[in-house]
C-alpha atoms as a PDB file:
ATOM      1  CA  UNK A   1      22.483  32.394 -26.650  1.00  0.00           C
ATOM      2  CA  UNK A   2      22.251  33.360 -30.298  1.00  0.00           C
ATOM      3  CA  UNK A   3      23.761  31.952 -33.601  1.00  0.00           C
ATOM      4  CA  UNK A   4      24.854  34.245 -36.358  1.00  0.00           C
ATOM      5  CA  UNK A   5      22.183  36.740 -35.352  1.00  0.00           C
ATOM      6  CA  UNK A   6      19.452  34.191 -35.968  1.00  0.00           C
ATOM      7  CA  UNK A   7      17.936  34.394 -32.843  1.00  0.00           C
ATOM      8  CA  UNK A   8      18.098  32.143 -29.302  1.00  0.00           C
ATOM      9  CA  UNK A   9      19.083  28.721 -29.806  1.00  0.00           C
ATOM     10  CA  UNK A  10      17.725  27.807 -26.277  1.00  0.00           C
ATOM     11  CA  UNK A  11      13.800  27.993 -26.824  1.00  0.00           C
ATOM     12  CA  UNK A  12      11.726  26.852 -23.805  1.00  0.00           C
ATOM     13  CA  UNK A  13       8.546  27.367 -25.979  1.00  0.00           C
ATOM     14  CA  UNK A  14       9.233  24.402 -28.073  1.00  0.00           C
ATOM     15  CA  UNK A  15       7.855  22.292 -25.365  1.00  0.00           C
ATOM     16  CA  UNK A  16       4.563  24.267 -25.441  1.00  0.00           C
ATOM     17  CA  UNK A  17       4.037  23.846 -29.158  1.00  0.00           C
ATOM     18  CA  UNK A  18       1.048  21.681 -29.010  1.00  0.00           C
ATOM     19  CA  UNK A  19      -1.429  20.426 -26.334  1.00  0.00           C
ATOM     20  CA  UNK A  20      -0.043  16.788 -26.566  1.00  0.00           C
ATOM     21  CA  UNK A  21       3.416  18.206 -25.967  1.00  0.00           C
ATOM     22  CA  UNK A  22       2.500  20.294 -23.166  1.00  0.00           C
ATOM     23  CA  UNK A  23       0.388  17.328 -21.636  1.00  0.00           C
ATOM     24  CA  UNK A  24       3.330  15.126 -21.971  1.00  0.00           C
ATOM     25  CA  UNK A  25       6.324  17.243 -20.333  1.00  0.00           C
ATOM     26  CA  UNK A  26       3.637  18.516 -17.489  1.00  0.00           C
ATOM     27  CA  UNK A  27       5.057  18.286 -14.169  1.00  0.00           C
ATOM     28  CA  UNK A  28       2.150  18.303 -12.148  1.00  0.00           C
ATOM     29  CA  UNK A  29      -0.958  16.460 -12.692  1.00  0.00           C
ATOM     30  CA  UNK A  30      -4.530  16.191 -10.875  1.00  0.00           C
ATOM     31  CA  UNK A  31      -6.115  12.906 -10.886  1.00  0.00           C
ATOM     32  CA  UNK A  32      -9.317  11.998  -9.404  1.00  0.00           C
ATOM     33  CA  UNK A  33      -7.942   9.421  -6.991  1.00  0.00           C
ATOM     34  CA  UNK A  34      -6.150  12.415  -5.330  1.00  0.00           C
ATOM     35  CA  UNK A  35      -9.506  14.164  -4.465  1.00  0.00           C
ATOM     36  CA  UNK A  36     -12.019  13.955  -1.727  1.00  0.00           C
ATOM     37  CA  UNK A  37     -15.445  15.440  -1.697  1.00  0.00           C
ATOM     38  CA  UNK A  38     -16.726  16.709   1.503  1.00  0.00           C
ATOM     39  CA  UNK A  39     -20.236  16.196   2.049  1.00  0.00           C
ATOM     40  CA  UNK A  40     -22.776  17.402   4.689  1.00  0.00           C
ATOM     41  CA  UNK A  41     -25.957  15.460   6.143  1.00  0.00           C
ATOM     42  CA  UNK A  42     -28.582  17.238   8.195  1.00  0.00           C
ATOM     43  CA  UNK A  43     -30.862  15.270  10.182  1.00  0.00           C
ATOM     44  CA  UNK A  44     -34.450  15.418   9.819  1.00  0.00           C
ATOM     45  CA  UNK A  45     -34.770  16.479   6.330  1.00  0.00           C
ATOM     46  CA  UNK A  46     -36.017  14.454   3.358  1.00  0.00           C
ATOM     47  CA  UNK A  47     -34.898  16.630   0.583  1.00  0.00           C
ATOM     48  CA  UNK A  48     -31.497  18.380   0.339  1.00  0.00           C
ATOM     49  CA  UNK A  49     -31.259  21.765   1.178  1.00  0.00           C
ATOM     50  CA  UNK A  50     -29.113  24.440  -0.765  1.00  0.00           C
ATOM     51  CA  UNK A  51     -26.322  26.471   1.098  1.00  0.00           C
ATOM     52  CA  UNK A  52     -26.705  29.904  -0.312  1.00  0.00           C
ATOM     53  CA  UNK A  53     -23.178  30.766   0.158  1.00  0.00           C
ATOM     54  CA  UNK A  54     -21.839  27.902  -1.701  1.00  0.00           C
ATOM     55  CA  UNK A  55     -23.822  27.449  -5.154  1.00  0.00           C
ATOM     56  CA  UNK A  56     -24.177  23.909  -6.064  1.00  0.00           C
ATOM     57  CA  UNK A  57     -23.283  22.292  -2.292  1.00  0.00           C
ATOM     58  CA  UNK A  58     -26.149  21.066  -0.498  1.00  0.00           C
ATOM     59  CA  UNK A  59     -27.103  19.953   3.161  1.00  0.00           C
ATOM     60  CA  UNK A  60     -28.082  16.084   2.263  1.00  0.00           C
ATOM     61  CA  UNK A  61     -30.677  13.874   3.555  1.00  0.00           C
ATOM     62  CA  UNK A  62     -29.544  10.309   4.605  1.00  0.00           C
ATOM     63  CA  UNK A  63     -30.669   9.200   1.379  1.00  0.00           C
ATOM     64  CA  UNK A  64     -29.351  11.677  -1.083  1.00  0.00           C
ATOM     65  CA  UNK A  65     -25.800  11.363   0.925  1.00  0.00           C
ATOM     66  CA  UNK A  66     -25.846   7.623  -0.300  1.00  0.00           C
ATOM     67  CA  UNK A  67     -26.388   8.590  -3.808  1.00  0.00           C
ATOM     68  CA  UNK A  68     -23.590  11.323  -3.553  1.00  0.00           C
ATOM     69  CA  UNK A  69     -20.958   8.572  -2.338  1.00  0.00           C
ATOM     70  CA  UNK A  70     -22.181   6.302  -4.711  1.00  0.00           C
ATOM     71  CA  UNK A  71     -21.387   8.888  -7.449  1.00  0.00           C
ATOM     72  CA  UNK A  72     -18.236   9.840  -6.017  1.00  0.00           C
ATOM     73  CA  UNK A  73     -17.157   6.207  -6.109  1.00  0.00           C
ATOM     74  CA  UNK A  74     -17.896   5.471  -9.756  1.00  0.00           C
ATOM     75  CA  UNK A  75     -16.383   8.870 -10.531  1.00  0.00           C
ATOM     76  CA  UNK A  76     -12.977   7.066  -8.805  1.00  0.00           C
ATOM     77  CA  UNK A  77     -12.669   9.715  -6.262  1.00  0.00           C
ATOM     78  CA  UNK A  78     -10.237   9.014  -3.240  1.00  0.00           C
ATOM     79  CA  UNK A  79     -12.736   9.577  -0.411  1.00  0.00           C
ATOM     80  CA  UNK A  80     -15.385  11.181   1.054  1.00  0.00           C
ATOM     81  CA  UNK A  81     -15.468  13.432   4.158  1.00  0.00           C
ATOM     82  CA  UNK A  82     -18.619  13.523   6.192  1.00  0.00           C
ATOM     83  CA  UNK A  83     -20.329  16.275   8.253  1.00  0.00           C
ATOM     84  CA  UNK A  84     -23.095  15.969  10.373  1.00  0.00           C
ATOM     85  CA  UNK A  85     -25.760  18.586  11.238  1.00  0.00           C
ATOM     86  CA  UNK A  86     -27.789  17.540  14.393  1.00  0.00           C
ATOM     87  CA  UNK A  87     -31.404  18.598  15.175  1.00  0.00           C
ATOM     88  CA  UNK A  88     -30.283  19.340  18.673  1.00  0.00           C
ATOM     89  CA  UNK A  89     -27.321  20.894  19.985  1.00  0.00           C
ATOM     90  CA  UNK A  90     -25.942  20.822  23.985  1.00  0.00           C
ATOM     91  CA  UNK A  91     -22.981  22.090  25.546  1.00  0.00           C
ATOM     92  CA  UNK A  92     -21.180  18.968  25.344  1.00  0.00           C
ATOM     93  CA  UNK A  93     -21.895  17.657  21.939  1.00  0.00           C
ATOM     94  CA  UNK A  94     -23.409  14.823  22.988  1.00  0.00           C
ATOM     95  CA  UNK A  95     -24.902  13.917  19.826  1.00  0.00           C
ATOM     96  CA  UNK A  96     -21.195  13.371  18.137  1.00  0.00           C
ATOM     97  CA  UNK A  97     -20.834  10.225  20.691  1.00  0.00           C
ATOM     98  CA  UNK A  98     -24.126   9.041  20.256  1.00  0.00           C
ATOM     99  CA  UNK A  99     -24.457   5.751  18.268  1.00  0.00           C
ATOM    100  CA  UNK A 100     -27.644   7.040  16.814  1.00  0.00           C
ATOM    101  CA  UNK A 101     -26.353  10.577  16.191  1.00  0.00           C
ATOM    102  CA  UNK A 102     -26.678  11.726  12.837  1.00  0.00           C
ATOM    103  CA  UNK A 103     -22.898  11.569  11.649  1.00  0.00           C
ATOM    104  CA  UNK A 104     -22.689   7.836  13.015  1.00  0.00           C
ATOM    105  CA  UNK A 105     -25.534   6.720  11.030  1.00  0.00           C
ATOM    106  CA  UNK A 106     -24.339   8.463   7.814  1.00  0.00           C
ATOM    107  CA  UNK A 107     -21.119   6.928   8.058  1.00  0.00           C
ATOM    108  CA  UNK A 108     -23.004   3.462   8.649  1.00  0.00           C
ATOM    109  CA  UNK A 109     -25.217   4.566   5.497  1.00  0.00           C
ATOM    110  CA  UNK A 110     -22.359   5.298   3.452  1.00  0.00           C
ATOM    111  CA  UNK A 111     -20.090   2.259   3.890  1.00  0.00           C
ATOM    112  CA  UNK A 112     -22.872  -0.197   3.252  1.00  0.00           C
ATOM    113  CA  UNK A 113     -23.653   2.023   0.170  1.00  0.00           C
ATOM    114  CA  UNK A 114     -19.870   1.914  -1.290  1.00  0.00           C
ATOM    115  CA  UNK A 115     -18.018  -0.509   0.742  1.00  0.00           C
ATOM    116  CA  UNK A 116     -14.119  -0.490   0.216  1.00  0.00           C
ATOM    117  CA  UNK A 117     -14.645   1.185  -3.141  1.00  0.00           C
ATOM    118  CA  UNK A 118     -14.068   4.693  -1.359  1.00  0.00           C
ATOM    119  CA  UNK A 119     -12.377   5.808   1.558  1.00  0.00           C
ATOM    120  CA  UNK A 120     -15.194   6.965   3.941  1.00  0.00           C
ATOM    121  CA  UNK A 121     -13.794   9.570   6.442  1.00  0.00           C
ATOM    122  CA  UNK A 122     -15.555  11.572   9.193  1.00  0.00           C
ATOM    123  CA  UNK A 123     -14.865  14.835  10.720  1.00  0.00           C
ATOM    124  CA  UNK A 124     -14.045  14.274  14.692  1.00  0.00           C
ATOM    125  CA  UNK A 125     -15.032  17.302  16.161  1.00  0.00           C
ATOM    126  CA  UNK A 126     -17.489  18.801  18.227  1.00  0.00           C
ATOM    127  CA  UNK A 127     -18.412  22.182  16.825  1.00  0.00           C
ATOM    128  CA  UNK A 128     -21.347  20.902  14.803  1.00  0.00           C
ATOM    129  CA  UNK A 129     -22.793  19.433  17.744  1.00  0.00           C
ATOM    130  CA  UNK A 130     -22.339  22.053  20.625  1.00  0.00           C
ATOM    131  CA  UNK A 131     -24.682  24.726  21.459  1.00  0.00           C
ATOM    132  CA  UNK A 132     -21.749  27.361  21.839  1.00  0.00           C
ATOM    133  CA  UNK A 133     -20.253  26.071  18.333  1.00  0.00           C
ATOM    134  CA  UNK A 134     -16.725  25.737  19.669  1.00  0.00           C
ATOM    135  CA  UNK A 135     -14.611  22.430  19.302  1.00  0.00           C
ATOM    136  CA  UNK A 136     -14.430  21.551  22.375  1.00  0.00           C
ATOM    137  CA  UNK A 137     -15.780  21.240  26.128  1.00  0.00           C
ATOM    138  CA  UNK A 138     -15.905  24.610  27.896  1.00  0.00           C
ATOM    139  CA  UNK A 139     -14.661  25.476  31.436  1.00  0.00           C
ATOM    140  CA  UNK A 140     -17.109  27.618  33.573  1.00  0.00           C
ATOM    141  CA  UNK A 141     -15.488  31.045  32.535  1.00  0.00           C
ATOM    142  CA  UNK A 142     -15.725  29.936  28.666  1.00  0.00           C
ATOM    143  CA  UNK A 143     -12.671  28.812  27.611  1.00  0.00           C
ATOM    144  CA  UNK A 144     -11.990  25.412  25.565  1.00  0.00           C
ATOM    145  CA  UNK A 145     -10.845  22.863  28.174  1.00  0.00           C
ATOM    146  CA  UNK A 146      -8.056  20.882  26.236  1.00  0.00           C
ATOM    147  CA  UNK A 147      -7.798  18.048  28.174  1.00  0.00           C
ATOM    148  CA  UNK A 148     -11.780  17.401  28.980  1.00  0.00           C
ATOM    149  CA  UNK A 149     -11.976  17.929  24.945  1.00  0.00           C
ATOM    150  CA  UNK A 150      -9.399  15.189  24.276  1.00  0.00           C
ATOM    151  CA  UNK A 151     -11.583  12.751  26.384  1.00  0.00           C
ATOM    152  CA  UNK A 152     -14.774  13.396  24.150  1.00  0.00           C
ATOM    153  CA  UNK A 153     -12.731  13.255  20.945  1.00  0.00           C
ATOM    154  CA  UNK A 154     -11.455   9.557  22.402  1.00  0.00           C
ATOM    155  CA  UNK A 155     -15.110   8.311  22.915  1.00  0.00           C
ATOM    156  CA  UNK A 156     -16.322  10.079  19.581  1.00  0.00           C
ATOM    157  CA  UNK A 157     -13.241   8.148  17.650  1.00  0.00           C
ATOM    158  CA  UNK A 158     -14.644   5.147  18.995  1.00  0.00           C
ATOM    159  CA  UNK A 159     -18.338   5.769  18.168  1.00  0.00           C
ATOM    160  CA  UNK A 160     -17.047   6.589  14.657  1.00  0.00           C
ATOM    161  CA  UNK A 161     -14.894   3.491  14.368  1.00  0.00           C
ATOM    162  CA  UNK A 162     -17.927   1.317  15.256  1.00  0.00           C
ATOM    163  CA  UNK A 163     -19.993   2.924  12.692  1.00  0.00           C
ATOM    164  CA  UNK A 164     -17.596   1.709  10.158  1.00  0.00           C
ATOM    165  CA  UNK A 165     -15.467   4.733   9.319  1.00  0.00           C
ATOM    166  CA  UNK A 166     -12.294   4.132   7.518  1.00  0.00           C
ATOM    167  CA  UNK A 167     -10.536   6.994   8.461  1.00  0.00           C
ATOM    168  CA  UNK A 168     -11.219   9.880  11.075  1.00  0.00           C
ATOM    169  CA  UNK A 169     -10.066  13.508  10.847  1.00  0.00           C
ATOM    170  CA  UNK A 170      -9.486  15.382  14.267  1.00  0.00           C
ATOM    171  CA  UNK A 171     -10.057  18.842  13.028  1.00  0.00           C
ATOM    172  CA  UNK A 172     -10.551  20.619  16.676  1.00  0.00           C
ATOM    173  CA  UNK A 173      -6.680  21.625  16.917  1.00  0.00           C
ATOM    174  CA  UNK A 174      -6.542  20.418  20.597  1.00  0.00           C
ATOM    175  CA  UNK A 175      -2.962  19.710  21.981  1.00  0.00           C
ATOM    176  CA  UNK A 176      -2.277  15.838  21.931  1.00  0.00           C
ATOM    177  CA  UNK A 177      -5.710  15.069  20.173  1.00  0.00           C
ATOM    178  CA  UNK A 178      -3.938  12.233  17.759  1.00  0.00           C
ATOM    179  CA  UNK A 179      -2.227  10.580  20.451  1.00  0.00           C
ATOM    180  CA  UNK A 180      -5.506  10.088  22.367  1.00  0.00           C
ATOM    181  CA  UNK A 181      -7.452   9.418  19.459  1.00  0.00           C
ATOM    182  CA  UNK A 182      -4.879   6.633  18.358  1.00  0.00           C
ATOM    183  CA  UNK A 183      -4.979   5.276  21.742  1.00  0.00           C
ATOM    184  CA  UNK A 184      -8.689   5.029  21.875  1.00  0.00           C
ATOM    185  CA  UNK A 185      -8.955   3.232  18.510  1.00  0.00           C
ATOM    186  CA  UNK A 186      -6.541   0.706  19.240  1.00  0.00           C
ATOM    187  CA  UNK A 187      -7.751  -0.042  22.677  1.00  0.00           C
ATOM    188  CA  UNK A 188     -11.187  -0.686  21.072  1.00  0.00           C
ATOM    189  CA  UNK A 189      -9.404  -2.867  18.499  1.00  0.00           C
ATOM    190  CA  UNK A 190      -9.712  -0.671  15.831  1.00  0.00           C
ATOM    191  CA  UNK A 191      -6.164  -0.752  14.994  1.00  0.00           C
ATOM    192  CA  UNK A 192      -6.947  -0.216  10.964  1.00  0.00           C
ATOM    193  CA  UNK A 193      -8.695   2.910  11.258  1.00  0.00           C
ATOM    194  CA  UNK A 194      -6.336   5.597  10.019  1.00  0.00           C
ATOM    195  CA  UNK A 195      -6.040   9.131  11.022  1.00  0.00           C
ATOM    196  CA  UNK A 196      -6.088  12.492   8.834  1.00  0.00           C
ATOM    197  CA  UNK A 197      -4.853  15.296  11.129  1.00  0.00           C
ATOM    198  CA  UNK A 198      -5.968  18.488  10.717  1.00  0.00           C
ATOM    199  CA  UNK A 199      -2.319  19.344  11.699  1.00  0.00           C
ATOM    200  CA  UNK A 200      -1.979  22.968  10.453  1.00  0.00           C
ATOM    201  CA  UNK A 201      -5.526  24.654  10.830  1.00  0.00           C
ATOM    202  CA  UNK A 202      -5.402  28.282  10.839  1.00  0.00           C
ATOM    203  CA  UNK A 203      -8.077  30.747  11.939  1.00  0.00           C
ATOM    204  CA  UNK A 204      -9.119  31.908   8.991  1.00  0.00           C
ATOM    205  CA  UNK A 205     -11.655  34.298   7.271  1.00  0.00           C
ATOM    206  CA  UNK A 206     -12.123  31.828   4.608  1.00  0.00           C
ATOM    207  CA  UNK A 207     -14.327  29.491   6.719  1.00  0.00           C
ATOM    208  CA  UNK A 208     -17.310  31.548   6.417  1.00  0.00           C
ATOM    209  CA  UNK A 209     -19.422  29.514   4.059  1.00  0.00           C
ATOM    210  CA  UNK A 210     -18.677  26.902   6.022  1.00  0.00           C
ATOM    211  CA  UNK A 211     -20.574  28.316   9.341  1.00  0.00           C
ATOM    212  CA  UNK A 212     -23.668  28.247   7.176  1.00  0.00           C
ATOM    213  CA  UNK A 213     -23.144  24.676   5.889  1.00  0.00           C
ATOM    214  CA  UNK A 214     -23.003  23.363   9.153  1.00  0.00           C
ATOM    215  CA  UNK A 215     -25.602  25.936  10.806  1.00  0.00           C
ATOM    216  CA  UNK A 216     -22.788  26.572  13.327  1.00  0.00           C
ATOM    217  CA  UNK A 217     -23.703  28.337  16.766  1.00  0.00           C
ATOM    218  CA  UNK A 218     -20.285  29.946  17.031  1.00  0.00           C
ATOM    219  CA  UNK A 219     -20.177  33.029  18.819  1.00  0.00           C
ATOM    220  CA  UNK A 220     -16.706  34.990  18.858  1.00  0.00           C
ATOM    221  CA  UNK A 221     -13.835  32.963  17.342  1.00  0.00           C
ATOM    222  CA  UNK A 222     -11.254  29.916  17.577  1.00  0.00           C
ATOM    223  CA  UNK A 223      -7.995  31.941  17.970  1.00  0.00           C
ATOM    224  CA  UNK A 224      -7.049  30.323  21.213  1.00  0.00           C
ATOM    225  CA  UNK A 225      -6.798  27.082  19.541  1.00  0.00           C
ATOM    226  CA  UNK A 226      -6.372  27.313  15.759  1.00  0.00           C
ATOM    227  CA  UNK A 227      -3.405  28.371  14.254  1.00  0.00           C
ATOM    228  CA  UNK A 228      -2.285  32.322  13.537  1.00  0.00           C
ATOM    229  CA  UNK A 229      -2.267  33.292   9.901  1.00  0.00           C
ATOM    230  CA  UNK A 230       1.049  34.560  10.555  1.00  0.00           C
ATOM    231  CA  UNK A 231       2.895  31.651  11.336  1.00  0.00           C
ATOM    232  CA  UNK A 232       4.431  29.023   8.970  1.00  0.00           C
ATOM    233  CA  UNK A 233       7.115  27.398  10.931  1.00  0.00           C
ATOM    234  CA  UNK A 234       4.439  26.727  13.647  1.00  0.00           C
ATOM    235  CA  UNK A 235       2.442  24.618  11.134  1.00  0.00           C
ATOM    236  CA  UNK A 236       5.463  22.268  10.545  1.00  0.00           C
ATOM    237  CA  UNK A 237       5.664  22.045  14.054  1.00  0.00           C
ATOM    238  CA  UNK A 238       2.207  21.046  14.584  1.00  0.00           C
ATOM    239  CA  UNK A 239       2.461  18.676  11.638  1.00  0.00           C
ATOM    240  CA  UNK A 240       5.581  16.949  13.136  1.00  0.00           C
ATOM    241  CA  UNK A 241       4.078  16.445  16.328  1.00  0.00           C
ATOM    242  CA  UNK A 242       0.728  14.733  14.699  1.00  0.00           C
ATOM    243  CA  UNK A 243       3.322  12.273  12.819  1.00  0.00           C
ATOM    244  CA  UNK A 244       4.862  11.436  16.296  1.00  0.00           C
ATOM    245  CA  UNK A 245       1.502  10.826  17.710  1.00  0.00           C
ATOM    246  CA  UNK A 246       0.250   8.418  15.009  1.00  0.00           C
ATOM    247  CA  UNK A 247      -1.352  10.528  12.246  1.00  0.00           C
ATOM    248  CA  UNK A 248      -1.455   8.678   8.912  1.00  0.00           C
ATOM    249  CA  UNK A 249      -2.029  11.574   6.796  1.00  0.00           C
ATOM    250  CA  UNK A 250      -1.466  15.650   8.068  1.00  0.00           C
ATOM    251  CA  UNK A 251      -3.442  18.403   6.535  1.00  0.00           C
ATOM    252  CA  UNK A 252      -2.801  21.988   5.948  1.00  0.00           C
ATOM    253  CA  UNK A 253      -6.184  24.030   6.110  1.00  0.00           C
ATOM    254  CA  UNK A 254      -7.099  26.199   4.137  1.00  0.00           C
ATOM    255  CA  UNK A 255      -5.494  25.895   1.007  1.00  0.00           C
ATOM    256  CA  UNK A 256      -4.803  28.852  -1.229  1.00  0.00           C
ATOM    257  CA  UNK A 257      -3.610  31.003   1.241  1.00  0.00           C
ATOM    258  CA  UNK A 258      -1.118  28.705   2.639  1.00  0.00           C
ATOM    259  CA  UNK A 259       0.482  27.237  -0.345  1.00  0.00           C
ATOM    260  CA  UNK A 260       3.996  27.840   1.431  1.00  0.00           C
ATOM    261  CA  UNK A 261       2.943  26.126   4.379  1.00  0.00           C
ATOM    262  CA  UNK A 262       1.783  22.540   2.455  1.00  0.00           C
ATOM    263  CA  UNK A 263       5.264  23.076   0.725  1.00  0.00           C
ATOM    264  CA  UNK A 264       6.907  23.370   4.066  1.00  0.00           C
ATOM    265  CA  UNK A 265       5.204  20.543   5.464  1.00  0.00           C
ATOM    266  CA  UNK A 266       5.633  18.278   2.631  1.00  0.00           C
ATOM    267  CA  UNK A 267       9.638  18.492   2.848  1.00  0.00           C
ATOM    268  CA  UNK A 268       9.147  17.925   6.696  1.00  0.00           C
ATOM    269  CA  UNK A 269       7.288  14.771   6.716  1.00  0.00           C
ATOM    270  CA  UNK A 270       7.248  11.456   5.427  1.00  0.00           C
ATOM    271  CA  UNK A 271       3.664  10.823   5.224  1.00  0.00           C
ATOM    272  CA  UNK A 272       1.105  11.928   2.887  1.00  0.00           C
ATOM    273  CA  UNK A 273       0.175  15.428   2.959  1.00  0.00           C
ATOM    274  CA  UNK A 274      -3.480  16.585   2.507  1.00  0.00           C
ATOM    275  CA  UNK A 275      -4.896  20.179   1.915  1.00  0.00           C
ATOM    276  CA  UNK A 276      -8.349  21.272   2.340  1.00  0.00           C
ATOM    277  CA  UNK A 277      -9.787  23.853  -0.417  1.00  0.00           C
ATOM    278  CA  UNK A 278     -12.201  25.359   1.736  1.00  0.00           C
ATOM    279  CA  UNK A 279     -15.692  26.858   1.420  1.00  0.00           C
ATOM    280  CA  UNK A 280     -14.418  30.815   1.126  1.00  0.00           C
ATOM    281  CA  UNK A 281     -12.064  29.603  -1.474  1.00  0.00           C
ATOM    282  CA  UNK A 282     -15.083  27.796  -3.244  1.00  0.00           C
ATOM    283  CA  UNK A 283     -17.272  30.600  -2.867  1.00  0.00           C
ATOM    284  CA  UNK A 284     -14.776  33.182  -4.227  1.00  0.00           C
ATOM    285  CA  UNK A 285     -14.392  31.509  -7.498  1.00  0.00           C
ATOM    286  CA  UNK A 286     -18.103  30.542  -7.935  1.00  0.00           C
ATOM    287  CA  UNK A 287     -18.888  34.311  -7.261  1.00  0.00           C
ATOM    288  CA  UNK A 288     -16.483  35.652  -9.975  1.00  0.00           C
ATOM    289  CA  UNK A 289     -17.525  32.859 -12.173  1.00  0.00           C
ATOM    290  CA  UNK A 290     -21.349  33.653 -11.959  1.00  0.00           C
ATOM    291  CA  UNK A 291     -20.394  37.449 -12.566  1.00  0.00           C
ATOM    292  CA  UNK A 292     -18.487  36.358 -16.105  1.00  0.00           C
ATOM    293  CA  UNK A 293     -15.265  38.177 -14.456  1.00  0.00           C
ATOM    294  CA  UNK A 294     -13.229  34.721 -14.707  1.00  0.00           C
ATOM    295  CA  UNK A 295     -13.824  31.387 -16.720  1.00  0.00           C
ATOM    296  CA  UNK A 296     -14.824  29.159 -14.305  1.00  0.00           C
ATOM    297  CA  UNK A 297     -13.596  25.165 -15.374  1.00  0.00           C
ATOM    298  CA  UNK A 298     -10.123  26.513 -15.938  1.00  0.00           C
ATOM    299  CA  UNK A 299     -10.084  28.634 -12.989  1.00  0.00           C
ATOM    300  CA  UNK A 300     -11.187  25.520 -10.801  1.00  0.00           C
ATOM    301  CA  UNK A 301      -8.397  23.157 -12.356  1.00  0.00           C
ATOM    302  CA  UNK A 302      -5.842  25.894 -12.155  1.00  0.00           C
ATOM    303  CA  UNK A 303      -6.783  25.959  -8.457  1.00  0.00           C
ATOM    304  CA  UNK A 304      -6.611  22.229  -7.835  1.00  0.00           C
ATOM    305  CA  UNK A 305      -3.074  22.167  -9.958  1.00  0.00           C
ATOM    306  CA  UNK A 306      -1.820  24.822  -7.700  1.00  0.00           C
ATOM    307  CA  UNK A 307      -2.368  23.087  -4.497  1.00  0.00           C
ATOM    308  CA  UNK A 308      -0.912  19.989  -5.767  1.00  0.00           C
ATOM    309  CA  UNK A 309       2.071  21.510  -7.088  1.00  0.00           C
ATOM    310  CA  UNK A 310       2.541  23.385  -3.796  1.00  0.00           C
ATOM    311  CA  UNK A 311       3.159  19.627  -2.739  1.00  0.00           C
ATOM    312  CA  UNK A 312      -0.232  18.197  -1.628  1.00  0.00           C
ATOM    313  CA  UNK A 313      -0.963  14.559  -2.201  1.00  0.00           C
ATOM    314  CA  UNK A 314      -4.698  14.777  -1.366  1.00  0.00           C
ATOM    315  CA  UNK A 315      -7.121  17.772  -1.748  1.00  0.00           C
ATOM    316  CA  UNK A 316     -10.486  18.002   0.016  1.00  0.00           C
ATOM    317  CA  UNK A 317     -12.602  20.140  -2.646  1.00  0.00           C
ATOM    318  CA  UNK A 318     -16.114  20.965  -2.944  1.00  0.00           C
ATOM    319  CA  UNK A 319     -15.324  20.900  -6.725  1.00  0.00           C
ATOM    320  CA  UNK A 320     -14.138  17.168  -6.540  1.00  0.00           C
ATOM    321  CA  UNK A 321     -16.842  15.224  -8.142  1.00  0.00           C
ATOM    322  CA  UNK A 322     -17.214  17.904 -11.200  1.00  0.00           C
ATOM    323  CA  UNK A 323     -13.523  17.878 -11.401  1.00  0.00           C
ATOM    324  CA  UNK A 324     -13.246  14.078 -11.781  1.00  0.00           C
ATOM    325  CA  UNK A 325     -15.714  14.369 -14.830  1.00  0.00           C
ATOM    326  CA  UNK A 326     -13.251  16.863 -16.514  1.00  0.00           C
ATOM    327  CA  UNK A 327     -10.453  14.713 -15.852  1.00  0.00           C
ATOM    328  CA  UNK A 328     -12.078  11.855 -17.158  1.00  0.00           C
ATOM    329  CA  UNK A 329     -13.233  13.313 -20.108  1.00  0.00           C
ATOM    330  CA  UNK A 330      -9.758  14.518 -21.017  1.00  0.00           C
ATOM    331  CA  UNK A 331      -7.890  11.383 -20.453  1.00  0.00           C
END
């Protein structure tokens, strides 16, 4: 609409005039409390080992892991997600259940370091511990046995709970995994341990750098249990099943290629929704920034804002600590 030929009377640009005004009317915010930092801990090392495909990310020793967790708590992050890398693997992933296994020791280390100042989460899956690299126990003909794997997950959940974890993250995409884990935790009197369910986890090309990060032994792919990237309705169905089975938070992974799924899941469930800003997404931005093709800090913050805008309440991201520093300095 115009007035006496003097131009439009409705001018949305008025609310973009200054930084303070833009900040005041911003519809979406990213806060440190909404960010979770994934951390890798490797058995048998004394110094951090760089991950070449994820610049700035390392495999920690037990001592440096504690320091990283303490820093995360000081920065006001929502939590850390722990992944263990054992020295020895076997067909059943027995190191995942062993109380002296690297992941269970790391849980106790970190809980002892940060107490209640940080939510300590742990990956509940066998893939880092199996010599075949799959997320479950295999049949004689090499297929992942869903129900035998569930029994292993129940043991793993109890082991992580005994180690002191606050929240377990079942990421294997086995049918019925949340219900079995909830029952196992409750039967062991760990009713306060919560479940972050990897509900809509897709068989994605963006997981590549993560394979290096955990020294994956995988041959082939995980398409018989992770979701097909063409399917969004299925992602919502998986999330609803996990809520029915007792999930406290549901997650979509990866994030950027699945923003539509994040929104659909957010609209469908009545529990918090998380999204995992995965290794390949991280590596792409880092590579482009290193080549001078994009401005790194704004690109990272824009990425995290997009994931929040799509509906994620919580974001797992390798930029969590760095982003928290930026967000703290701009507050």
